[in-house]
């Protein structure tokens, strides 16, 4: 199942989308009601309930920020991203503009019927990334604990990089986008791992390269713990 990537995600809301859209876990949350990829509004918030330590990347406010993502496979202790135009990978440069909050009633959650997922566990490795364009942010790698594919998908790992945005209200617009030419993270363990990412334009021209440093991991149980965490995060964001 294709993962819905939310460009406005900080750690908390990003991980909700991961658990719901990628792994088929739901408690009434509808990812389709989230901000559009190319333009939208976002309320950036702090993470907490998942138990991830605070991201060490510098916090940022308004500006142009990089997001990248890539599905792939973990073999042994190495994650290798799928690449090419048909791969579930890419990057976006987005402009975050601070705006005054507009009070709106929260949307009524619409449950979507989904198959009951088989119980399993997966890792979330966490850390930071930095590119040669001096773009820095948080990095996460999700991977199944036993090497099997995630339910409804053909991969067992998913890597993401996103800005560590300060809490606030923002309008987000797309500046540019491209492809992931390569993303490899090696030496995966309970202590994290390290790797590199290579980003190109849609025409294959070089955009930038960067380093990924993961410094630890947690285990998330699906669906039992995921449902509790999703509800806690939804309560926090309301």
C-alpha atoms as a PDB file:
ATOM      1  CA  UNK A   1       0.000   0.000   0.000  1.00  0.00           C
ATOM      2  CA  UNK A   2       1.398   3.337  -0.994  1.00  0.00           C
ATOM      3  CA  UNK A   3       2.375   5.506   1.918  1.00  0.00           C
ATOM      4  CA  UNK A   4       0.746   8.898   2.217  1.00  0.00           C
ATOM      5  CA  UNK A   5       3.443  11.418   2.891  1.00  0.00           C
ATOM      6  CA  UNK A   6       2.385  14.576   4.685  1.00  0.00           C
ATOM      7  CA  UNK A   7       4.586  17.571   3.823  1.00  0.00           C
ATOM      8  CA  UNK A   8       3.384  19.515   6.850  1.00  0.00           C
ATOM      9  CA  UNK A   9       4.422  16.807   9.254  1.00  0.00           C
ATOM     10  CA  UNK A  10       6.601  17.473  12.187  1.00  0.00           C
ATOM     11  CA  UNK A  11       7.583  14.376  14.131  1.00  0.00           C
ATOM     12  CA  UNK A  12       4.186  13.827  15.753  1.00  0.00           C
ATOM     13  CA  UNK A  13       1.845  14.295  12.813  1.00  0.00           C
ATOM     14  CA  UNK A  14       4.275  12.668  10.417  1.00  0.00           C
ATOM     15  CA  UNK A  15       4.323   9.497  12.475  1.00  0.00           C
ATOM     16  CA  UNK A  16       0.528   9.403  12.641  1.00  0.00           C
ATOM     17  CA  UNK A  17       0.451   9.366   8.844  1.00  0.00           C
ATOM     18  CA  UNK A  18       3.078   6.660   8.797  1.00  0.00           C
ATOM     19  CA  UNK A  19       1.178   4.375  11.128  1.00  0.00           C
ATOM     20  CA  UNK A  20      -2.206   4.964   9.542  1.00  0.00           C
ATOM     21  CA  UNK A  21      -1.521   5.187   5.841  1.00  0.00           C
ATOM     22  CA  UNK A  22       1.437   2.863   5.494  1.00  0.00           C
ATOM     23  CA  UNK A  23       0.533   0.132   7.940  1.00  0.00           C
ATOM     24  CA  UNK A  24      -3.255   0.051   7.735  1.00  0.00           C
ATOM     25  CA  UNK A  25      -3.900   0.999  11.343  1.00  0.00           C
ATOM     26  CA  UNK A  26      -6.829   3.272  12.016  1.00  0.00           C
ATOM     27  CA  UNK A  27      -8.881   4.812  14.779  1.00  0.00           C
ATOM     28  CA  UNK A  28     -11.078   7.130  12.727  1.00  0.00           C
ATOM     29  CA  UNK A  29      -8.237   9.247  11.339  1.00  0.00           C
ATOM     30  CA  UNK A  30      -8.519  10.044   7.637  1.00  0.00           C
ATOM     31  CA  UNK A  31      -5.175  11.026   6.057  1.00  0.00           C
ATOM     32  CA  UNK A  32      -6.966  12.298   2.960  1.00  0.00           C
ATOM     33  CA  UNK A  33      -8.278  15.211   5.019  1.00  0.00           C
ATOM     34  CA  UNK A  34      -4.741  16.427   5.714  1.00  0.00           C
ATOM     35  CA  UNK A  35      -3.110  19.400   3.942  1.00  0.00           C
ATOM     36  CA  UNK A  36      -2.383  19.006   0.238  1.00  0.00           C
ATOM     37  CA  UNK A  37       1.106  18.211  -0.907  1.00  0.00           C
ATOM     38  CA  UNK A  38       1.652  21.362  -2.940  1.00  0.00           C
ATOM     39  CA  UNK A  39      -0.078  23.899  -0.749  1.00  0.00           C
ATOM     40  CA  UNK A  40      -1.829  23.988   2.592  1.00  0.00           C
ATOM     41  CA  UNK A  41      -1.800  25.085   6.189  1.00  0.00           C
ATOM     42  CA  UNK A  42      -0.162  23.363   9.095  1.00  0.00           C
ATOM     43  CA  UNK A  43       0.061  23.579  12.838  1.00  0.00           C
ATOM     44  CA  UNK A  44       3.534  22.419  13.793  1.00  0.00           C
ATOM     45  CA  UNK A  45       3.715  20.740  17.194  1.00  0.00           C
ATOM     46  CA  UNK A  46       6.138  18.936  19.423  1.00  0.00           C
ATOM     47  CA  UNK A  47       6.389  15.143  19.391  1.00  0.00           C
ATOM     48  CA  UNK A  48       6.089  13.155  22.589  1.00  0.00           C
ATOM     49  CA  UNK A  49       3.774  10.142  22.935  1.00  0.00           C
ATOM     50  CA  UNK A  50       5.805   7.894  20.636  1.00  0.00           C
ATOM     51  CA  UNK A  51       8.700   8.020  23.018  1.00  0.00           C
ATOM     52  CA  UNK A  52      11.185   9.346  20.472  1.00  0.00           C
ATOM     53  CA  UNK A  53      13.863  11.559  22.005  1.00  0.00           C
ATOM     54  CA  UNK A  54      13.767  15.173  20.869  1.00  0.00           C
ATOM     55  CA  UNK A  55      15.274  15.718  17.421  1.00  0.00           C
ATOM     56  CA  UNK A  56      18.738  17.264  17.674  1.00  0.00           C
ATOM     57  CA  UNK A  57      18.463  19.243  14.432  1.00  0.00           C
ATOM     58  CA  UNK A  58      18.246  23.018  14.896  1.00  0.00           C
ATOM     59  CA  UNK A  59      14.694  24.286  15.185  1.00  0.00           C
ATOM     60  CA  UNK A  60      13.513  26.496  12.346  1.00  0.00           C
ATOM     61  CA  UNK A  61      10.586  28.803  11.661  1.00  0.00           C
ATOM     62  CA  UNK A  62       9.541  30.437   8.420  1.00  0.00           C
ATOM     63  CA  UNK A  63      11.690  29.648   5.378  1.00  0.00           C
ATOM     64  CA  UNK A  64      12.357  27.097   2.655  1.00  0.00           C
ATOM     65  CA  UNK A  65      12.780  23.605   4.066  1.00  0.00           C
ATOM     66  CA  UNK A  66      13.668  20.257   2.556  1.00  0.00           C
ATOM     67  CA  UNK A  67      11.689  17.039   2.930  1.00  0.00           C
ATOM     68  CA  UNK A  68      12.686  13.702   1.383  1.00  0.00           C
ATOM     69  CA  UNK A  69      11.348  10.164   1.618  1.00  0.00           C
ATOM     70  CA  UNK A  70      12.163   6.761   0.162  1.00  0.00           C
ATOM     71  CA  UNK A  71      10.822   3.226   0.389  1.00  0.00           C
ATOM     72  CA  UNK A  72      13.350   0.417   0.213  1.00  0.00           C
ATOM     73  CA  UNK A  73      14.607  -2.785   1.732  1.00  0.00           C
ATOM     74  CA  UNK A  74      16.730  -3.615   4.736  1.00  0.00           C
ATOM     75  CA  UNK A  75      19.055  -6.565   4.156  1.00  0.00           C
ATOM     76  CA  UNK A  76      21.244  -7.477   7.074  1.00  0.00           C
ATOM     77  CA  UNK A  77      22.183  -4.148   8.619  1.00  0.00           C
ATOM     78  CA  UNK A  78      21.845  -2.004   5.484  1.00  0.00           C
ATOM     79  CA  UNK A  79      18.854  -0.081   4.111  1.00  0.00           C
ATOM     80  CA  UNK A  80      18.854   0.624   0.374  1.00  0.00           C
ATOM     81  CA  UNK A  81      16.174   2.857  -1.125  1.00  0.00           C
ATOM     82  CA  UNK A  82      14.283   2.098  -4.295  1.00  0.00           C
ATOM     83  CA  UNK A  83      15.120   4.696  -6.941  1.00  0.00           C
ATOM     84  CA  UNK A  84      13.749   5.883 -10.265  1.00  0.00           C
ATOM     85  CA  UNK A  85      10.610   7.750 -11.310  1.00  0.00           C
ATOM     86  CA  UNK A  86       8.368   4.791 -10.445  1.00  0.00           C
ATOM     87  CA  UNK A  87       9.835   4.345  -6.962  1.00  0.00           C
ATOM     88  CA  UNK A  88       8.056   5.545  -3.823  1.00  0.00           C
ATOM     89  CA  UNK A  89      10.699   8.154  -3.194  1.00  0.00           C
ATOM     90  CA  UNK A  90      11.260  11.834  -3.812  1.00  0.00           C
ATOM     91  CA  UNK A  91      12.010  15.205  -2.270  1.00  0.00           C
ATOM     92  CA  UNK A  92      10.236  18.534  -1.888  1.00  0.00           C
ATOM     93  CA  UNK A  93      11.496  22.001  -1.118  1.00  0.00           C
ATOM     94  CA  UNK A  94       8.680  23.862   0.602  1.00  0.00           C
ATOM     95  CA  UNK A  95       8.186  27.427   1.700  1.00  0.00           C
ATOM     96  CA  UNK A  96       6.807  27.688   5.239  1.00  0.00           C
ATOM     97  CA  UNK A  97       5.249  31.090   5.914  1.00  0.00           C
ATOM     98  CA  UNK A  98       4.061  31.964   9.400  1.00  0.00           C
ATOM     99  CA  UNK A  99       0.408  33.009   9.525  1.00  0.00           C
ATOM    100  CA  UNK A 100      -2.156  33.924  12.153  1.00  0.00           C
ATOM    101  CA  UNK A 101      -4.280  30.977  13.255  1.00  0.00           C
ATOM    102  CA  UNK A 102      -7.787  30.820  11.846  1.00  0.00           C
ATOM    103  CA  UNK A 103     -10.152  29.072  14.256  1.00  0.00           C
ATOM    104  CA  UNK A 104     -11.947  26.265  12.464  1.00  0.00           C
ATOM    105  CA  UNK A 105     -13.979  23.389  13.848  1.00  0.00           C
ATOM    106  CA  UNK A 106     -12.090  20.099  13.677  1.00  0.00           C
ATOM    107  CA  UNK A 107     -13.263  17.824  10.845  1.00  0.00           C
ATOM    108  CA  UNK A 108     -15.390  14.862  11.798  1.00  0.00           C
ATOM    109  CA  UNK A 109     -13.230  11.753  11.437  1.00  0.00           C
ATOM    110  CA  UNK A 110     -14.481   9.375   8.760  1.00  0.00           C
ATOM    111  CA  UNK A 111     -13.586   5.756   9.441  1.00  0.00           C
ATOM    112  CA  UNK A 112     -12.284   3.901   6.416  1.00  0.00           C
ATOM    113  CA  UNK A 113     -12.815   0.138   6.326  1.00  0.00           C
ATOM    114  CA  UNK A 114      -9.446  -1.569   6.231  1.00  0.00           C
ATOM    115  CA  UNK A 115      -8.366  -5.160   6.740  1.00  0.00           C
ATOM    116  CA  UNK A 116      -7.406  -5.951  10.317  1.00  0.00           C
ATOM    117  CA  UNK A 117      -3.593  -5.878  10.269  1.00  0.00           C
ATOM    118  CA  UNK A 118      -1.628  -8.828  11.525  1.00  0.00           C
ATOM    119  CA  UNK A 119       0.142  -8.082  14.770  1.00  0.00           C
ATOM    120  CA  UNK A 120       3.792  -7.271  14.294  1.00  0.00           C
ATOM    121  CA  UNK A 121       6.509  -4.900  15.455  1.00  0.00           C
ATOM    122  CA  UNK A 122       8.695  -2.446  13.612  1.00  0.00           C
ATOM    123  CA  UNK A 123      11.680  -0.290  14.446  1.00  0.00           C
ATOM    124  CA  UNK A 124      11.896   3.473  14.175  1.00  0.00           C
ATOM    125  CA  UNK A 125      15.511   4.590  13.937  1.00  0.00           C
ATOM    126  CA  UNK A 126      15.915   8.314  14.608  1.00  0.00           C
ATOM    127  CA  UNK A 127      18.522  10.996  14.095  1.00  0.00           C
ATOM    128  CA  UNK A 128      19.351  13.881  11.770  1.00  0.00           C
ATOM    129  CA  UNK A 129      20.410  14.700   8.220  1.00  0.00           C
ATOM    130  CA  UNK A 130      22.536  17.474   6.705  1.00  0.00           C
ATOM    131  CA  UNK A 131      23.101  18.347   3.041  1.00  0.00           C
ATOM    132  CA  UNK A 132      25.786  20.266   1.182  1.00  0.00           C
ATOM    133  CA  UNK A 133      23.246  23.058   0.694  1.00  0.00           C
ATOM    134  CA  UNK A 134      23.335  23.498   4.481  1.00  0.00           C
ATOM    135  CA  UNK A 135      19.873  22.023   4.848  1.00  0.00           C
ATOM    136  CA  UNK A 136      19.477  20.178   8.147  1.00  0.00           C
ATOM    137  CA  UNK A 137      16.600  18.336   9.742  1.00  0.00           C
ATOM    138  CA  UNK A 138      15.317  15.236  11.462  1.00  0.00           C
ATOM    139  CA  UNK A 139      15.731  11.775   9.947  1.00  0.00           C
ATOM    140  CA  UNK A 140      13.733   8.621  10.573  1.00  0.00           C
ATOM    141  CA  UNK A 141      14.027   5.092   9.211  1.00  0.00           C
ATOM    142  CA  UNK A 142      11.205   2.630   9.800  1.00  0.00           C
ATOM    143  CA  UNK A 143      11.980  -1.064   9.353  1.00  0.00           C
ATOM    144  CA  UNK A 144      10.240  -4.309  10.245  1.00  0.00           C
ATOM    145  CA  UNK A 145      11.972  -6.202  13.010  1.00  0.00           C
ATOM    146  CA  UNK A 146      12.101  -9.535  11.155  1.00  0.00           C
ATOM    147  CA  UNK A 147      12.784  -8.318   7.634  1.00  0.00           C
ATOM    148  CA  UNK A 148       9.309  -9.069   6.288  1.00  0.00           C
ATOM    149  CA  UNK A 149       7.513  -6.487   4.128  1.00  0.00           C
ATOM    150  CA  UNK A 150       5.155  -4.067   5.798  1.00  0.00           C
ATOM    151  CA  UNK A 151       1.528  -5.151   5.328  1.00  0.00           C
ATOM    152  CA  UNK A 152       0.007  -4.058   2.005  1.00  0.00           C
ATOM    153  CA  UNK A 153       3.417  -3.065   0.611  1.00  0.00           C
ATOM    154  CA  UNK A 154       6.441  -4.454  -1.190  1.00  0.00           C
ATOM    155  CA  UNK A 155       9.134  -2.991   1.059  1.00  0.00           C
ATOM    156  CA  UNK A 156      10.356  -3.464   4.625  1.00  0.00           C
ATOM    157  CA  UNK A 157      11.890  -0.043   5.195  1.00  0.00           C
ATOM    158  CA  UNK A 158      11.005   3.617   4.729  1.00  0.00           C
ATOM    159  CA  UNK A 159      13.329   6.588   5.253  1.00  0.00           C
ATOM    160  CA  UNK A 160      12.287  10.215   5.784  1.00  0.00           C
ATOM    161  CA  UNK A 161      13.925  13.555   6.343  1.00  0.00           C
ATOM    162  CA  UNK A 162      11.948  16.605   7.463  1.00  0.00           C
ATOM    163  CA  UNK A 163      12.561  19.996   9.111  1.00  0.00           C
ATOM    164  CA  UNK A 164      12.470  20.473  12.872  1.00  0.00           C
ATOM    165  CA  UNK A 165       9.884  23.248  12.688  1.00  0.00           C
ATOM    166  CA  UNK A 166       9.091  25.389  15.702  1.00  0.00           C
ATOM    167  CA  UNK A 167       5.514  25.113  16.977  1.00  0.00           C
ATOM    168  CA  UNK A 168       3.230  27.577  15.227  1.00  0.00           C
ATOM    169  CA  UNK A 169       0.841  28.107  12.332  1.00  0.00           C
ATOM    170  CA  UNK A 170       2.206  28.047   8.792  1.00  0.00           C
ATOM    171  CA  UNK A 171       1.111  28.253   5.185  1.00  0.00           C
ATOM    172  CA  UNK A 172       3.071  25.818   3.052  1.00  0.00           C
ATOM    173  CA  UNK A 173       3.698  26.096  -0.691  1.00  0.00           C
ATOM    174  CA  UNK A 174       5.785  23.941  -2.986  1.00  0.00           C
ATOM    175  CA  UNK A 175       8.986  25.541  -4.321  1.00  0.00           C
ATOM    176  CA  UNK A 176      10.542  22.620  -6.186  1.00  0.00           C
ATOM    177  CA  UNK A 177      10.685  18.832  -6.200  1.00  0.00           C
ATOM    178  CA  UNK A 178      12.752  15.969  -7.527  1.00  0.00           C
ATOM    179  CA  UNK A 179      13.881  12.379  -7.194  1.00  0.00           C
ATOM    180  CA  UNK A 180      16.010  10.338  -4.830  1.00  0.00           C
ATOM    181  CA  UNK A 181      18.901   8.986  -6.882  1.00  0.00           C
ATOM    182  CA  UNK A 182      20.328   7.066  -3.945  1.00  0.00           C
ATOM    183  CA  UNK A 183      19.834   6.613  -0.214  1.00  0.00           C
ATOM    184  CA  UNK A 184      21.712   4.024   1.802  1.00  0.00           C
ATOM    185  CA  UNK A 185      21.952   3.657   5.584  1.00  0.00           C
ATOM    186  CA  UNK A 186      24.416   1.087   6.928  1.00  0.00           C
ATOM    187  CA  UNK A 187      25.466  -0.425  10.267  1.00  0.00           C
ATOM    188  CA  UNK A 188      21.905  -0.453  11.617  1.00  0.00           C
ATOM    189  CA  UNK A 189      21.673  -1.462  15.272  1.00  0.00           C
ATOM    190  CA  UNK A 190      20.053  -0.379  18.521  1.00  0.00           C
ATOM    191  CA  UNK A 191      22.558   2.486  18.461  1.00  0.00           C
ATOM    192  CA  UNK A 192      21.340   3.771  15.081  1.00  0.00           C
ATOM    193  CA  UNK A 193      23.279   3.814  11.831  1.00  0.00           C
ATOM    194  CA  UNK A 194      24.768   6.137   9.230  1.00  0.00           C
ATOM    195  CA  UNK A 195      24.445   6.759   5.532  1.00  0.00           C
ATOM    196  CA  UNK A 196      24.099   9.144   2.631  1.00  0.00           C
ATOM    197  CA  UNK A 197      21.415  10.551   0.343  1.00  0.00           C
ATOM    198  CA  UNK A 198      21.715  11.787  -3.247  1.00  0.00           C
ATOM    199  CA  UNK A 199      18.932  14.038  -4.561  1.00  0.00           C
ATOM    200  CA  UNK A 200      18.424  15.039  -8.199  1.00  0.00           C
ATOM    201  CA  UNK A 201      15.930  17.157 -10.123  1.00  0.00           C
ATOM    202  CA  UNK A 202      13.059  15.643 -12.054  1.00  0.00           C
ATOM    203  CA  UNK A 203      15.308  15.728 -15.129  1.00  0.00           C
ATOM    204  CA  UNK A 204      18.080  13.874 -13.345  1.00  0.00           C
ATOM    205  CA  UNK A 205      20.388  16.833 -12.747  1.00  0.00           C
ATOM    206  CA  UNK A 206      22.237  17.070  -9.450  1.00  0.00           C
ATOM    207  CA  UNK A 207      20.421  18.909  -6.663  1.00  0.00           C
ATOM    208  CA  UNK A 208      22.414  18.043  -3.551  1.00  0.00           C
ATOM    209  CA  UNK A 209      23.911  15.240  -1.506  1.00  0.00           C
ATOM    210  CA  UNK A 210      23.905  14.763   2.225  1.00  0.00           C
ATOM    211  CA  UNK A 211      24.680  12.633   5.248  1.00  0.00           C
ATOM    212  CA  UNK A 212      22.277  10.798   7.533  1.00  0.00           C
ATOM    213  CA  UNK A 213      23.161  10.035  11.142  1.00  0.00           C
ATOM    214  CA  UNK A 214      20.820   7.861  13.196  1.00  0.00           C
ATOM    215  CA  UNK A 215      21.544   7.700  16.908  1.00  0.00           C
ATOM    216  CA  UNK A 216      19.055   5.181  18.307  1.00  0.00           C
ATOM    217  CA  UNK A 217      15.839   3.261  17.762  1.00  0.00           C
ATOM    218  CA  UNK A 218      12.535   2.394  19.410  1.00  0.00           C
ATOM    219  CA  UNK A 219      10.103  -0.472  18.815  1.00  0.00           C
ATOM    220  CA  UNK A 220       6.460   0.165  17.900  1.00  0.00           C
ATOM    221  CA  UNK A 221       3.892  -2.626  18.198  1.00  0.00           C
ATOM    222  CA  UNK A 222       1.115  -2.775  15.617  1.00  0.00           C
ATOM    223  CA  UNK A 223      -1.824  -2.545  15.984  1.00  0.00           C
ATOM    224  CA  UNK A 224      -2.143  -2.428  19.782  1.00  0.00           C
ATOM    225  CA  UNK A 225       0.395   0.272  20.673  1.00  0.00           C
ATOM    226  CA  UNK A 226      -0.079   2.131  17.396  1.00  0.00           C
ATOM    227  CA  UNK A 227      -3.794   2.698  18.035  1.00  0.00           C
ATOM    228  CA  UNK A 228      -3.064   4.130  21.473  1.00  0.00           C
ATOM    229  CA  UNK A 229      -0.318   6.378  20.121  1.00  0.00           C
ATOM    230  CA  UNK A 230      -2.451   7.623  17.242  1.00  0.00           C
ATOM    231  CA  UNK A 231      -5.250   8.599  19.598  1.00  0.00           C
ATOM    232  CA  UNK A 232      -2.813  10.327  21.968  1.00  0.00           C
ATOM    233  CA  UNK A 233      -1.330  12.325  19.083  1.00  0.00           C
ATOM    234  CA  UNK A 234      -4.752  13.238  17.716  1.00  0.00           C
ATOM    235  CA  UNK A 235      -5.791  14.473  21.167  1.00  0.00           C
ATOM    236  CA  UNK A 236      -2.573  16.504  21.360  1.00  0.00           C
ATOM    237  CA  UNK A 237      -3.152  18.132  17.956  1.00  0.00           C
ATOM    238  CA  UNK A 238      -6.811  19.045  18.536  1.00  0.00           C
END
